[in-house]
Amino acid sequence: MPSKRVVLAVTVVLLILAGGTLAWGYSKFKSIETVDLSSVLASENGTNYLIVGSDSREGVDPDDPNAGAILGDDTVGGPERSDTVLILRIDGEGARMLSVPRDLYLTISETDERSRINTAFNGGPQRLIATLRDQLDLPIHHYLQVDFVSFSGMVDALGGITIDFPYPAFDTHSGLDVPEAGPQTLDGTQALAFVRSRFYTEVIDGRNVAEGTGDLGRVARQQQFLSAVMSAIGSERNPVALAGIADELSAGMRIDSDLGFLEALNLLRRMRGMDAQPNSMPTSNFTTSAGAAVLRLQQPGADEVLAQFGSTGSRIE
């Protein structure tokens, strides 16, 4: 039986290691770029985390062998847009997710112009949050933004993410190439190609079958993938792997300045075993007067879904 001195010594060492890990984690957290969004963030009960995937191509070499998944078939320069808009709500009833289709047509706050919601990001996260608030009555409590490059690196740091494919699948636009059905571990490049895919095609009985749902199918895949990522991060115990994940995320992430270290740790803790229920926003196809193919909300179903995320009803005309 170990002596009291040995037990005390081991306890002290463990406390020092734990303290060192927290100190290192805090230093990484403090290195994340922050943005002051206090003027548009909400404070009601429950917490809605707005997770934005930015289509920033900054720092991407077009000659990089992985550039295809990052740049897609749109290598033309232009304003940064929100390629993914997803809300993770955590409250006393559990966790659930809601993806906002980037082709949703509404009035962009601060501009009074009607356009796709992903263009709201041209005016920064403040305008995007204000648009979600003003048009969908969605309260946003915290903001997390990750760019394509750091997203890919994070997946690689996790050792890949496993997705179960019912059929082989591909998308020549995003670069997705899954030659076999069943559980497949995607590296960072293929993971990015998967979540960005808008021309998802399955190989069924030797025939290429296009999904044909465009942005809506991509929304479902993004929710599926985010659930897998949350589970992988939450269950990771290897300190080396966690360090790699933290390095990748801190390099390409932006968060609101009100999100504190302890709350971020609590979010990480809650991700362990989290089963975030996916939700789809009911929409229908719509063609604008200019001939653009967009989406609009279908009522009353849309308001019923929005209510699960703290909304009292949309205000879209």
C-alpha atoms as a PDB file:
ATOM      1  CA  MET A   1       0.000   0.000   0.000  1.00  0.00           C
ATOM      2  CA  PRO A   2       1.566   3.355  -1.011  1.00  0.00           C
ATOM      3  CA  SER A   3       2.645   5.675   1.751  1.00  0.00           C
ATOM      4  CA  LYS A   4       0.917   8.979   2.388  1.00  0.00           C
ATOM      5  CA  ARG A   5       4.004  10.764   1.040  1.00  0.00           C
ATOM      6  CA  VAL A   6       3.767   8.909  -2.282  1.00  0.00           C
ATOM      7  CA  VAL A   7       0.064   9.635  -2.583  1.00  0.00           C
ATOM      8  CA  LEU A   8       0.675  13.295  -1.782  1.00  0.00           C
ATOM      9  CA  ALA A   9       3.511  13.496  -4.304  1.00  0.00           C
ATOM     10  CA  VAL A  10       1.413  11.926  -7.068  1.00  0.00           C
ATOM     11  CA  THR A  11      -1.474  14.258  -6.265  1.00  0.00           C
ATOM     12  CA  VAL A  12       0.801  17.299  -6.442  1.00  0.00           C
ATOM     13  CA  VAL A  13       2.222  16.160  -9.795  1.00  0.00           C
ATOM     14  CA  LEU A  14      -1.261  15.624 -11.218  1.00  0.00           C
ATOM     15  CA  LEU A  15      -2.359  19.056 -10.019  1.00  0.00           C
ATOM     16  CA  ILE A  16       0.705  20.649 -11.595  1.00  0.00           C
ATOM     17  CA  LEU A  17       0.061  18.844 -14.885  1.00  0.00           C
ATOM     18  CA  ALA A  18      -3.611  19.827 -14.827  1.00  0.00           C
ATOM     19  CA  GLY A  19      -2.685  23.417 -14.041  1.00  0.00           C
ATOM     20  CA  GLY A  20      -0.135  23.436 -16.836  1.00  0.00           C
ATOM     21  CA  THR A  21      -2.666  22.044 -19.309  1.00  0.00           C
ATOM     22  CA  LEU A  22      -5.218  24.679 -18.336  1.00  0.00           C
ATOM     23  CA  ALA A  23      -2.606  27.415 -18.595  1.00  0.00           C
ATOM     24  CA  TRP A  24      -1.596  26.211 -22.062  1.00  0.00           C
ATOM     25  CA  GLY A  25      -5.241  25.955 -23.108  1.00  0.00           C
ATOM     26  CA  TYR A  26      -5.904  29.457 -21.837  1.00  0.00           C
ATOM     27  CA  SER A  27      -2.949  30.836 -23.802  1.00  0.00           C
ATOM     28  CA  LYS A  28      -4.290  29.183 -26.970  1.00  0.00           C
ATOM     29  CA  PHE A  29      -7.774  30.504 -26.283  1.00  0.00           C
ATOM     30  CA  LYS A  30      -6.446  34.027 -25.828  1.00  0.00           C
ATOM     31  CA  SER A  31      -4.704  33.808 -29.204  1.00  0.00           C
ATOM     32  CA  ILE A  32      -8.046  33.389 -31.018  1.00  0.00           C
ATOM     33  CA  GLU A  33      -9.138  36.536 -32.834  1.00  0.00           C
ATOM     34  CA  THR A  34     -12.189  38.134 -31.224  1.00  0.00           C
ATOM     35  CA  VAL A  35     -14.811  40.522 -32.526  1.00  0.00           C
ATOM     36  CA  ASP A  36     -17.026  42.802 -30.456  1.00  0.00           C
ATOM     37  CA  LEU A  37     -20.631  41.813 -31.161  1.00  0.00           C
ATOM     38  CA  SER A  38     -22.182  42.983 -27.907  1.00  0.00           C
ATOM     39  CA  SER A  39     -24.555  45.306 -29.770  1.00  0.00           C
ATOM     40  CA  VAL A  40     -26.278  42.424 -31.586  1.00  0.00           C
ATOM     41  CA  LEU A  41     -25.885  39.448 -29.238  1.00  0.00           C
ATOM     42  CA  ALA A  42     -28.856  38.312 -27.148  1.00  0.00           C
ATOM     43  CA  SER A  43     -28.988  37.498 -23.436  1.00  0.00           C
ATOM     44  CA  GLU A  44     -32.157  35.380 -23.049  1.00  0.00           C
ATOM     45  CA  ASN A  45     -32.228  31.953 -21.435  1.00  0.00           C
ATOM     46  CA  GLY A  46     -30.728  29.148 -23.454  1.00  0.00           C
ATOM     47  CA  THR A  47     -27.711  29.517 -25.680  1.00  0.00           C
ATOM     48  CA  ASN A  48     -27.648  29.744 -29.455  1.00  0.00           C
ATOM     49  CA  TYR A  49     -24.164  29.406 -30.905  1.00  0.00           C
ATOM     50  CA  LEU A  50     -23.949  30.759 -34.431  1.00  0.00           C
ATOM     51  CA  ILE A  51     -21.338  28.681 -36.282  1.00  0.00           C
ATOM     52  CA  VAL A  52     -20.194  30.200 -39.554  1.00  0.00           C
ATOM     53  CA  GLY A  53     -18.005  28.532 -42.147  1.00  0.00           C
ATOM     54  CA  SER A  54     -16.289  31.303 -44.064  1.00  0.00           C
ATOM     55  CA  ASP A  55     -15.377  30.863 -47.735  1.00  0.00           C
ATOM     56  CA  SER A  56     -12.218  32.931 -47.245  1.00  0.00           C
ATOM     57  CA  ARG A  57      -9.480  31.763 -49.623  1.00  0.00           C
ATOM     58  CA  GLU A  58      -6.823  33.826 -47.891  1.00  0.00           C
ATOM     59  CA  GLY A  59      -3.509  31.992 -47.730  1.00  0.00           C
ATOM     60  CA  VAL A  60      -4.548  29.259 -50.179  1.00  0.00           C
ATOM     61  CA  ASP A  61      -2.017  28.502 -52.919  1.00  0.00           C
ATOM     62  CA  PRO A  62      -3.907  27.630 -56.149  1.00  0.00           C
ATOM     63  CA  ASP A  63      -1.093  25.155 -56.948  1.00  0.00           C
ATOM     64  CA  ASP A  64      -1.601  23.274 -53.672  1.00  0.00           C
ATOM     65  CA  PRO A  65      -2.838  19.701 -54.410  1.00  0.00           C
ATOM     66  CA  ASN A  66      -5.670  20.292 -51.901  1.00  0.00           C
ATOM     67  CA  ALA A  67      -6.702  23.627 -53.402  1.00  0.00           C
ATOM     68  CA  GLY A  68      -9.556  22.063 -55.383  1.00  0.00           C
ATOM     69  CA  ALA A  69     -11.601  21.299 -52.266  1.00  0.00           C
ATOM     70  CA  ILE A  70     -10.893  24.719 -50.775  1.00  0.00           C
ATOM     71  CA  LEU A  71     -11.367  26.853 -53.863  1.00  0.00           C
ATOM     72  CA  GLY A  72     -14.038  24.711 -55.494  1.00  0.00           C
ATOM     73  CA  ASP A  73     -15.007  25.768 -59.002  1.00  0.00           C
ATOM     74  CA  ASP A  74     -15.090  29.435 -57.984  1.00  0.00           C
ATOM     75  CA  THR A  75     -11.572  30.814 -57.992  1.00  0.00           C
ATOM     76  CA  VAL A  76     -12.652  34.321 -58.845  1.00  0.00           C
ATOM     77  CA  GLY A  77     -11.882  36.862 -56.186  1.00  0.00           C
ATOM     78  CA  GLY A  78     -14.650  38.689 -54.399  1.00  0.00           C
ATOM     79  CA  PRO A  79     -16.080  39.495 -50.974  1.00  0.00           C
ATOM     80  CA  GLU A  80     -15.872  36.872 -48.261  1.00  0.00           C
ATOM     81  CA  ARG A  81     -19.177  35.094 -47.748  1.00  0.00           C
ATOM     82  CA  SER A  82     -20.639  32.707 -45.189  1.00  0.00           C
ATOM     83  CA  ASP A  83     -20.592  29.345 -46.934  1.00  0.00           C
ATOM     84  CA  THR A  84     -22.177  27.645 -43.903  1.00  0.00           C
ATOM     85  CA  VAL A  85     -24.633  29.175 -41.423  1.00  0.00           C
ATOM     86  CA  LEU A  86     -25.545  26.796 -38.609  1.00  0.00           C
ATOM     87  CA  ILE A  87     -27.081  27.345 -35.176  1.00  0.00           C
ATOM     88  CA  LEU A  88     -26.315  25.021 -32.267  1.00  0.00           C
ATOM     89  CA  ARG A  89     -28.753  25.486 -29.384  1.00  0.00           C
ATOM     90  CA  ILE A  90     -28.003  24.140 -25.923  1.00  0.00           C
ATOM     91  CA  ASP A  91     -30.554  24.460 -23.136  1.00  0.00           C
ATOM     92  CA  GLY A  92     -32.222  22.418 -20.435  1.00  0.00           C
ATOM     93  CA  GLU A  93     -33.889  20.223 -23.053  1.00  0.00           C
ATOM     94  CA  GLY A  94     -30.600  19.156 -24.645  1.00  0.00           C
ATOM     95  CA  ALA A  95     -28.866  20.157 -27.877  1.00  0.00           C
ATOM     96  CA  ARG A  96     -30.183  20.648 -31.396  1.00  0.00           C
ATOM     97  CA  MET A  97     -28.937  22.084 -34.671  1.00  0.00           C
ATOM     98  CA  LEU A  98     -30.505  24.241 -37.349  1.00  0.00           C
ATOM     99  CA  SER A  99     -28.884  24.998 -40.684  1.00  0.00           C
ATOM    100  CA  VAL A 100     -29.913  28.166 -42.480  1.00  0.00           C
ATOM    101  CA  PRO A 101     -29.692  27.573 -46.255  1.00  0.00           C
ATOM    102  CA  ARG A 102     -27.336  30.089 -47.801  1.00  0.00           C
ATOM    103  CA  ASP A 103     -29.824  30.593 -50.673  1.00  0.00           C
ATOM    104  CA  LEU A 104     -32.598  31.741 -48.302  1.00  0.00           C
ATOM    105  CA  TYR A 105     -33.973  34.968 -49.795  1.00  0.00           C
ATOM    106  CA  LEU A 106     -34.746  37.789 -47.375  1.00  0.00           C
ATOM    107  CA  THR A 107     -34.070  41.419 -46.539  1.00  0.00           C
ATOM    108  CA  ILE A 108     -30.479  42.038 -45.438  1.00  0.00           C
ATOM    109  CA  SER A 109     -30.304  44.206 -42.321  1.00  0.00           C
ATOM    110  CA  GLU A 110     -28.697  47.658 -42.599  1.00  0.00           C
ATOM    111  CA  THR A 111     -29.223  47.616 -46.387  1.00  0.00           C
ATOM    112  CA  ASP A 112     -32.983  47.137 -46.972  1.00  0.00           C
ATOM    113  CA  GLU A 113     -31.998  45.034 -49.988  1.00  0.00           C
ATOM    114  CA  ARG A 114     -33.380  41.560 -50.637  1.00  0.00           C
ATOM    115  CA  SER A 115     -30.775  38.929 -51.350  1.00  0.00           C
ATOM    116  CA  ARG A 116     -29.451  35.506 -50.325  1.00  0.00           C
ATOM    117  CA  ILE A 117     -28.617  35.379 -46.639  1.00  0.00           C
ATOM    118  CA  ASN A 118     -24.988  34.457 -47.229  1.00  0.00           C
ATOM    119  CA  THR A 119     -24.417  37.911 -48.740  1.00  0.00           C
ATOM    120  CA  ALA A 120     -25.164  39.445 -45.322  1.00  0.00           C
ATOM    121  CA  PHE A 121     -21.680  38.378 -44.292  1.00  0.00           C
ATOM    122  CA  ASN A 122     -20.271  40.937 -46.717  1.00  0.00           C
ATOM    123  CA  GLY A 123     -21.028  43.462 -43.975  1.00  0.00           C
ATOM    124  CA  GLY A 124     -19.362  41.345 -41.311  1.00  0.00           C
ATOM    125  CA  PRO A 125     -20.764  39.061 -38.601  1.00  0.00           C
ATOM    126  CA  GLN A 126     -22.710  41.972 -37.086  1.00  0.00           C
ATOM    127  CA  ARG A 127     -24.869  42.267 -40.197  1.00  0.00           C
ATOM    128  CA  LEU A 128     -25.378  38.507 -40.439  1.00  0.00           C
ATOM    129  CA  ILE A 129     -26.477  38.272 -36.794  1.00  0.00           C
ATOM    130  CA  ALA A 130     -28.721  41.311 -37.203  1.00  0.00           C
ATOM    131  CA  THR A 131     -30.345  39.722 -40.260  1.00  0.00           C
ATOM    132  CA  LEU A 132     -31.036  36.477 -38.389  1.00  0.00           C
ATOM    133  CA  ARG A 133     -32.510  38.542 -35.553  1.00  0.00           C
ATOM    134  CA  ASP A 134     -34.558  40.948 -37.671  1.00  0.00           C
ATOM    135  CA  GLN A 135     -35.870  38.488 -40.271  1.00  0.00           C
ATOM    136  CA  LEU A 136     -36.095  35.169 -38.398  1.00  0.00           C
ATOM    137  CA  ASP A 137     -36.304  36.464 -34.808  1.00  0.00           C
ATOM    138  CA  LEU A 138     -33.413  34.141 -33.913  1.00  0.00           C
ATOM    139  CA  PRO A 139     -31.493  35.231 -30.804  1.00  0.00           C
ATOM    140  CA  ILE A 140     -27.731  34.679 -31.122  1.00  0.00           C
ATOM    141  CA  HIS A 141     -25.764  34.465 -27.881  1.00  0.00           C
ATOM    142  CA  HIS A 142     -22.292  33.532 -29.126  1.00  0.00           C
ATOM    143  CA  TYR A 143     -20.453  33.516 -32.434  1.00  0.00           C
ATOM    144  CA  LEU A 144     -17.846  31.099 -33.816  1.00  0.00           C
ATOM    145  CA  GLN A 145     -16.311  31.421 -37.276  1.00  0.00           C
ATOM    146  CA  VAL A 146     -13.875  29.021 -38.913  1.00  0.00           C
ATOM    147  CA  ASP A 147     -12.276  29.292 -42.347  1.00  0.00           C
ATOM    148  CA  PHE A 148     -11.759  26.496 -44.852  1.00  0.00           C
ATOM    149  CA  VAL A 149      -8.022  26.099 -44.271  1.00  0.00           C
ATOM    150  CA  SER A 150      -8.246  25.682 -40.487  1.00  0.00           C
ATOM    151  CA  PHE A 151     -11.303  23.418 -40.905  1.00  0.00           C
ATOM    152  CA  SER A 152      -9.268  21.023 -43.024  1.00  0.00           C
ATOM    153  CA  GLY A 153      -6.359  21.095 -40.580  1.00  0.00           C
ATOM    154  CA  MET A 154      -8.642  20.422 -37.606  1.00  0.00           C
ATOM    155  CA  VAL A 155     -10.046  17.287 -39.258  1.00  0.00           C
ATOM    156  CA  ASP A 156      -6.537  16.028 -39.967  1.00  0.00           C
ATOM    157  CA  ALA A 157      -5.552  16.722 -36.344  1.00  0.00           C
ATOM    158  CA  LEU A 158      -8.487  14.527 -35.273  1.00  0.00           C
ATOM    159  CA  GLY A 159      -7.155  11.728 -37.451  1.00  0.00           C
ATOM    160  CA  GLY A 160     -10.057  12.136 -39.871  1.00  0.00           C
ATOM    161  CA  ILE A 161     -13.823  11.914 -39.435  1.00  0.00           C
ATOM    162  CA  THR A 162     -15.824   8.785 -40.201  1.00  0.00           C
ATOM    163  CA  ILE A 163     -19.027   9.093 -42.247  1.00  0.00           C
ATOM    164  CA  ASP A 164     -21.235   6.163 -43.256  1.00  0.00           C
ATOM    165  CA  PHE A 165     -22.000   6.355 -46.986  1.00  0.00           C
ATOM    166  CA  PRO A 166     -24.930   4.225 -48.233  1.00  0.00           C
ATOM    167  CA  TYR A 167     -23.420   4.314 -51.748  1.00  0.00           C
ATOM    168  CA  PRO A 168     -20.167   5.415 -53.376  1.00  0.00           C
ATOM    169  CA  ALA A 169     -20.368   9.157 -53.989  1.00  0.00           C
ATOM    170  CA  PHE A 170     -18.600  11.987 -55.757  1.00  0.00           C
ATOM    171  CA  ASP A 171     -18.852  15.661 -56.665  1.00  0.00           C
ATOM    172  CA  THR A 172     -16.538  16.912 -59.389  1.00  0.00           C
ATOM    173  CA  HIS A 173     -17.199  20.523 -58.366  1.00  0.00           C
ATOM    174  CA  SER A 174     -16.096  20.209 -54.721  1.00  0.00           C
ATOM    175  CA  GLY A 175     -13.606  17.369 -55.314  1.00  0.00           C
ATOM    176  CA  LEU A 176     -15.454  14.734 -53.263  1.00  0.00           C
ATOM    177  CA  ASP A 177     -14.413  11.197 -54.203  1.00  0.00           C
ATOM    178  CA  VAL A 178     -15.722   8.274 -52.113  1.00  0.00           C
ATOM    179  CA  PRO A 179     -15.248   5.109 -54.216  1.00  0.00           C
ATOM    180  CA  GLU A 180     -16.768   2.669 -51.716  1.00  0.00           C
ATOM    181  CA  ALA A 181     -19.938   2.462 -49.628  1.00  0.00           C
ATOM    182  CA  GLY A 182     -19.925   2.008 -45.864  1.00  0.00           C
ATOM    183  CA  PRO A 183     -18.087   3.843 -43.059  1.00  0.00           C
ATOM    184  CA  GLN A 184     -15.293   5.914 -44.616  1.00  0.00           C
ATOM    185  CA  THR A 185     -12.739   8.040 -42.773  1.00  0.00           C
ATOM    186  CA  LEU A 186     -12.405  11.384 -44.530  1.00  0.00           C
ATOM    187  CA  ASP A 187      -9.227  13.428 -44.263  1.00  0.00           C
ATOM    188  CA  GLY A 188      -9.355  17.212 -44.093  1.00  0.00           C
ATOM    189  CA  THR A 189      -9.511  17.702 -47.860  1.00  0.00           C
ATOM    190  CA  GLN A 190     -12.293  15.175 -48.433  1.00  0.00           C
ATOM    191  CA  ALA A 191     -14.199  16.373 -45.348  1.00  0.00           C
ATOM    192  CA  LEU A 192     -14.235  19.871 -46.798  1.00  0.00           C
ATOM    193  CA  ALA A 193     -15.344  18.520 -50.166  1.00  0.00           C
ATOM    194  CA  PHE A 194     -18.159  16.623 -48.405  1.00  0.00           C
ATOM    195  CA  VAL A 195     -19.607  19.576 -46.480  1.00  0.00           C
ATOM    196  CA  ARG A 196     -19.311  21.917 -49.495  1.00  0.00           C
ATOM    197  CA  SER A 197     -20.860  19.494 -51.997  1.00  0.00           C
ATOM    198  CA  ARG A 198     -23.822  20.945 -53.887  1.00  0.00           C
ATOM    199  CA  PHE A 199     -23.697  18.480 -56.799  1.00  0.00           C
ATOM    200  CA  TYR A 200     -23.649  15.321 -54.701  1.00  0.00           C
ATOM    201  CA  THR A 201     -23.867  12.217 -56.887  1.00  0.00           C
ATOM    202  CA  GLU A 202     -24.234   8.600 -55.748  1.00  0.00           C
ATOM    203  CA  VAL A 203     -23.273   5.515 -57.710  1.00  0.00           C
ATOM    204  CA  ILE A 204     -26.247   3.140 -57.378  1.00  0.00           C
ATOM    205  CA  ASP A 205     -26.175  -0.195 -59.218  1.00  0.00           C
ATOM    206  CA  GLY A 206     -23.513   1.187 -61.533  1.00  0.00           C
ATOM    207  CA  ARG A 207     -25.512   4.325 -62.395  1.00  0.00           C
ATOM    208  CA  ASN A 208     -24.646   7.892 -61.431  1.00  0.00           C
ATOM    209  CA  VAL A 209     -27.654   9.305 -59.571  1.00  0.00           C
ATOM    210  CA  ALA A 210     -27.507  13.028 -58.822  1.00  0.00           C
ATOM    211  CA  GLU A 211     -29.098  13.972 -55.524  1.00  0.00           C
ATOM    212  CA  GLY A 212     -30.670  17.052 -57.074  1.00  0.00           C
ATOM    213  CA  THR A 213     -31.449  18.878 -53.823  1.00  0.00           C
ATOM    214  CA  GLY A 214     -28.587  21.386 -54.095  1.00  0.00           C
ATOM    215  CA  ASP A 215     -28.248  23.514 -50.981  1.00  0.00           C
ATOM    216  CA  LEU A 216     -30.812  21.528 -48.963  1.00  0.00           C
ATOM    217  CA  GLY A 217     -28.926  18.265 -49.345  1.00  0.00           C
ATOM    218  CA  ARG A 218     -25.734  20.029 -48.391  1.00  0.00           C
ATOM    219  CA  VAL A 219     -27.409  21.348 -45.227  1.00  0.00           C
ATOM    220  CA  ALA A 220     -28.238  17.782 -44.137  1.00  0.00           C
ATOM    221  CA  ARG A 221     -24.659  16.652 -44.787  1.00  0.00           C
ATOM    222  CA  GLN A 222     -23.265  19.576 -42.806  1.00  0.00           C
ATOM    223  CA  GLN A 223     -25.390  18.670 -39.791  1.00  0.00           C
ATOM    224  CA  GLN A 224     -24.354  15.028 -40.076  1.00  0.00           C
ATOM    225  CA  PHE A 225     -20.720  16.036 -40.243  1.00  0.00           C
ATOM    226  CA  LEU A 226     -20.876  18.538 -37.380  1.00  0.00           C
ATOM    227  CA  SER A 227     -22.389  15.855 -35.140  1.00  0.00           C
ATOM    228  CA  ALA A 228     -19.461  13.571 -35.980  1.00  0.00           C
ATOM    229  CA  VAL A 229     -16.947  16.356 -35.306  1.00  0.00           C
ATOM    230  CA  MET A 230     -18.497  17.248 -31.939  1.00  0.00           C
ATOM    231  CA  SER A 231     -18.449  13.615 -30.909  1.00  0.00           C
ATOM    232  CA  ALA A 232     -14.813  13.211 -31.981  1.00  0.00           C
ATOM    233  CA  ILE A 233     -13.596  16.342 -30.191  1.00  0.00           C
ATOM    234  CA  GLY A 234     -15.627  15.618 -27.084  1.00  0.00           C
ATOM    235  CA  SER A 235     -14.284  12.065 -26.777  1.00  0.00           C
ATOM    236  CA  GLU A 236     -10.652  12.909 -27.569  1.00  0.00           C
ATOM    237  CA  ARG A 237      -8.320  12.303 -24.613  1.00  0.00           C
ATOM    238  CA  ASN A 238      -4.917  12.302 -26.315  1.00  0.00           C
ATOM    239  CA  PRO A 239      -3.201  15.557 -25.237  1.00  0.00           C
ATOM    240  CA  VAL A 240      -1.063  15.592 -28.395  1.00  0.00           C
ATOM    241  CA  ALA A 241      -4.149  15.336 -30.598  1.00  0.00           C
ATOM    242  CA  LEU A 242      -5.952  17.990 -28.552  1.00  0.00           C
ATOM    243  CA  ALA A 243      -2.934  20.261 -28.932  1.00  0.00           C
ATOM    244  CA  GLY A 244      -3.056  19.800 -32.705  1.00  0.00           C
ATOM    245  CA  ILE A 245      -6.768  20.566 -32.804  1.00  0.00           C
ATOM    246  CA  ALA A 246      -6.267  23.682 -30.698  1.00  0.00           C
ATOM    247  CA  ASP A 247      -3.406  24.852 -32.920  1.00  0.00           C
ATOM    248  CA  GLU A 248      -5.452  24.487 -36.094  1.00  0.00           C
ATOM    249  CA  LEU A 249      -8.578  26.122 -34.712  1.00  0.00           C
ATOM    250  CA  SER A 250      -6.853  29.035 -33.011  1.00  0.00           C
ATOM    251  CA  ALA A 251      -5.111  29.919 -36.269  1.00  0.00           C
ATOM    252  CA  GLY A 252      -8.297  30.307 -38.314  1.00  0.00           C
ATOM    253  CA  MET A 253     -11.102  30.981 -35.867  1.00  0.00           C
ATOM    254  CA  ARG A 254     -12.909  34.127 -34.757  1.00  0.00           C
ATOM    255  CA  ILE A 255     -15.204  34.284 -31.734  1.00  0.00           C
ATOM    256  CA  ASP A 256     -17.229  36.986 -30.042  1.00  0.00           C
ATOM    257  CA  SER A 257     -15.372  38.861 -27.314  1.00  0.00           C
ATOM    258  CA  ASP A 258     -18.042  37.905 -24.741  1.00  0.00           C
ATOM    259  CA  LEU A 259     -17.271  34.169 -24.977  1.00  0.00           C
ATOM    260  CA  GLY A 260     -15.059  33.424 -21.967  1.00  0.00           C
ATOM    261  CA  PHE A 261     -12.545  30.640 -21.436  1.00  0.00           C
ATOM    262  CA  LEU A 262     -14.601  28.864 -18.782  1.00  0.00           C
ATOM    263  CA  GLU A 263     -17.710  28.902 -20.946  1.00  0.00           C
ATOM    264  CA  ALA A 264     -15.690  27.521 -23.862  1.00  0.00           C
ATOM    265  CA  LEU A 265     -14.429  24.721 -21.589  1.00  0.00           C
ATOM    266  CA  ASN A 266     -17.987  24.014 -20.510  1.00  0.00           C
ATOM    267  CA  LEU A 267     -19.076  23.802 -24.153  1.00  0.00           C
ATOM    268  CA  LEU A 268     -16.250  21.321 -24.812  1.00  0.00           C
ATOM    269  CA  ARG A 269     -17.309  19.293 -21.779  1.00  0.00           C
ATOM    270  CA  ARG A 270     -20.936  19.182 -22.918  1.00  0.00           C
ATOM    271  CA  MET A 271     -19.883  18.022 -26.364  1.00  0.00           C
ATOM    272  CA  ARG A 272     -18.837  14.690 -24.853  1.00  0.00           C
ATOM    273  CA  GLY A 273     -21.665  12.359 -25.703  1.00  0.00           C
ATOM    274  CA  MET A 274     -23.742  15.231 -27.103  1.00  0.00           C
ATOM    275  CA  ASP A 275     -26.494  14.065 -29.435  1.00  0.00           C
ATOM    276  CA  ALA A 276     -27.491  17.275 -31.175  1.00  0.00           C
ATOM    277  CA  GLN A 277     -30.802  16.703 -32.929  1.00  0.00           C
ATOM    278  CA  PRO A 278     -30.768  17.977 -36.534  1.00  0.00           C
ATOM    279  CA  ASN A 279     -33.560  20.249 -37.753  1.00  0.00           C
ATOM    280  CA  SER A 280     -34.419  21.271 -41.298  1.00  0.00           C
ATOM    281  CA  MET A 281     -35.912  24.632 -42.129  1.00  0.00           C
ATOM    282  CA  PRO A 282     -38.950  24.114 -44.412  1.00  0.00           C
ATOM    283  CA  THR A 283     -38.374  26.019 -47.651  1.00  0.00           C
ATOM    284  CA  SER A 284     -39.606  26.057 -51.224  1.00  0.00           C
ATOM    285  CA  ASN A 285     -37.998  27.056 -54.510  1.00  0.00           C
ATOM    286  CA  PHE A 286     -38.553  30.601 -55.687  1.00  0.00           C
ATOM    287  CA  THR A 287     -37.415  32.639 -58.691  1.00  0.00           C
ATOM    288  CA  THR A 288     -36.779  36.341 -58.199  1.00  0.00           C
ATOM    289  CA  SER A 289     -37.875  39.025 -60.666  1.00  0.00           C
ATOM    290  CA  ALA A 290     -34.251  39.063 -61.869  1.00  0.00           C
ATOM    291  CA  GLY A 291     -34.415  35.336 -62.615  1.00  0.00           C
ATOM    292  CA  ALA A 292     -32.308  34.105 -59.677  1.00  0.00           C
ATOM    293  CA  ALA A 293     -33.184  30.693 -58.224  1.00  0.00           C
ATOM    294  CA  VAL A 294     -33.462  31.077 -54.426  1.00  0.00           C
ATOM    295  CA  LEU A 295     -35.342  29.637 -51.452  1.00  0.00           C
ATOM    296  CA  ARG A 296     -38.111  31.064 -49.280  1.00  0.00           C
ATOM    297  CA  LEU A 297     -39.652  29.847 -46.035  1.00  0.00           C
ATOM    298  CA  GLN A 298     -42.642  27.540 -46.060  1.00  0.00           C
ATOM    299  CA  GLN A 299     -45.219  28.416 -43.426  1.00  0.00           C
ATOM    300  CA  PRO A 300     -46.430  27.489 -40.879  1.00  0.00           C
ATOM    301  CA  GLY A 301     -43.806  24.753 -40.685  1.00  0.00           C
ATOM    302  CA  ALA A 302     -40.846  27.143 -40.690  1.00  0.00           C
ATOM    303  CA  ASP A 303     -42.056  29.062 -37.640  1.00  0.00           C
ATOM    304  CA  GLU A 304     -42.607  25.798 -35.760  1.00  0.00           C
ATOM    305  CA  VAL A 305     -38.956  24.850 -36.340  1.00  0.00           C
ATOM    306  CA  LEU A 306     -37.695  28.342 -35.511  1.00  0.00           C
ATOM    307  CA  ALA A 307     -39.612  28.271 -32.216  1.00  0.00           C
ATOM    308  CA  GLN A 308     -37.332  25.444 -31.028  1.00  0.00           C
ATOM    309  CA  PHE A 309     -34.456  27.929 -31.229  1.00  0.00           C
ATOM    310  CA  GLY A 310     -36.074  30.772 -29.302  1.00  0.00           C
ATOM    311  CA  SER A 311     -37.853  32.520 -32.175  1.00  0.00           C
ATOM    312  CA  THR A 312     -41.368  33.905 -31.852  1.00  0.00           C
ATOM    313  CA  GLY A 313     -41.850  33.857 -35.618  1.00  0.00           C
ATOM    314  CA  SER A 314     -40.192  35.010 -38.820  1.00  0.00           C
ATOM    315  CA  ARG A 315     -40.807  38.442 -40.293  1.00  0.00           C
ATOM    316  CA  ILE A 316     -40.040  37.596 -43.897  1.00  0.00           C
ATOM    317  CA  GLU A 317     -42.616  39.018 -46.283  1.00  0.00           C
END
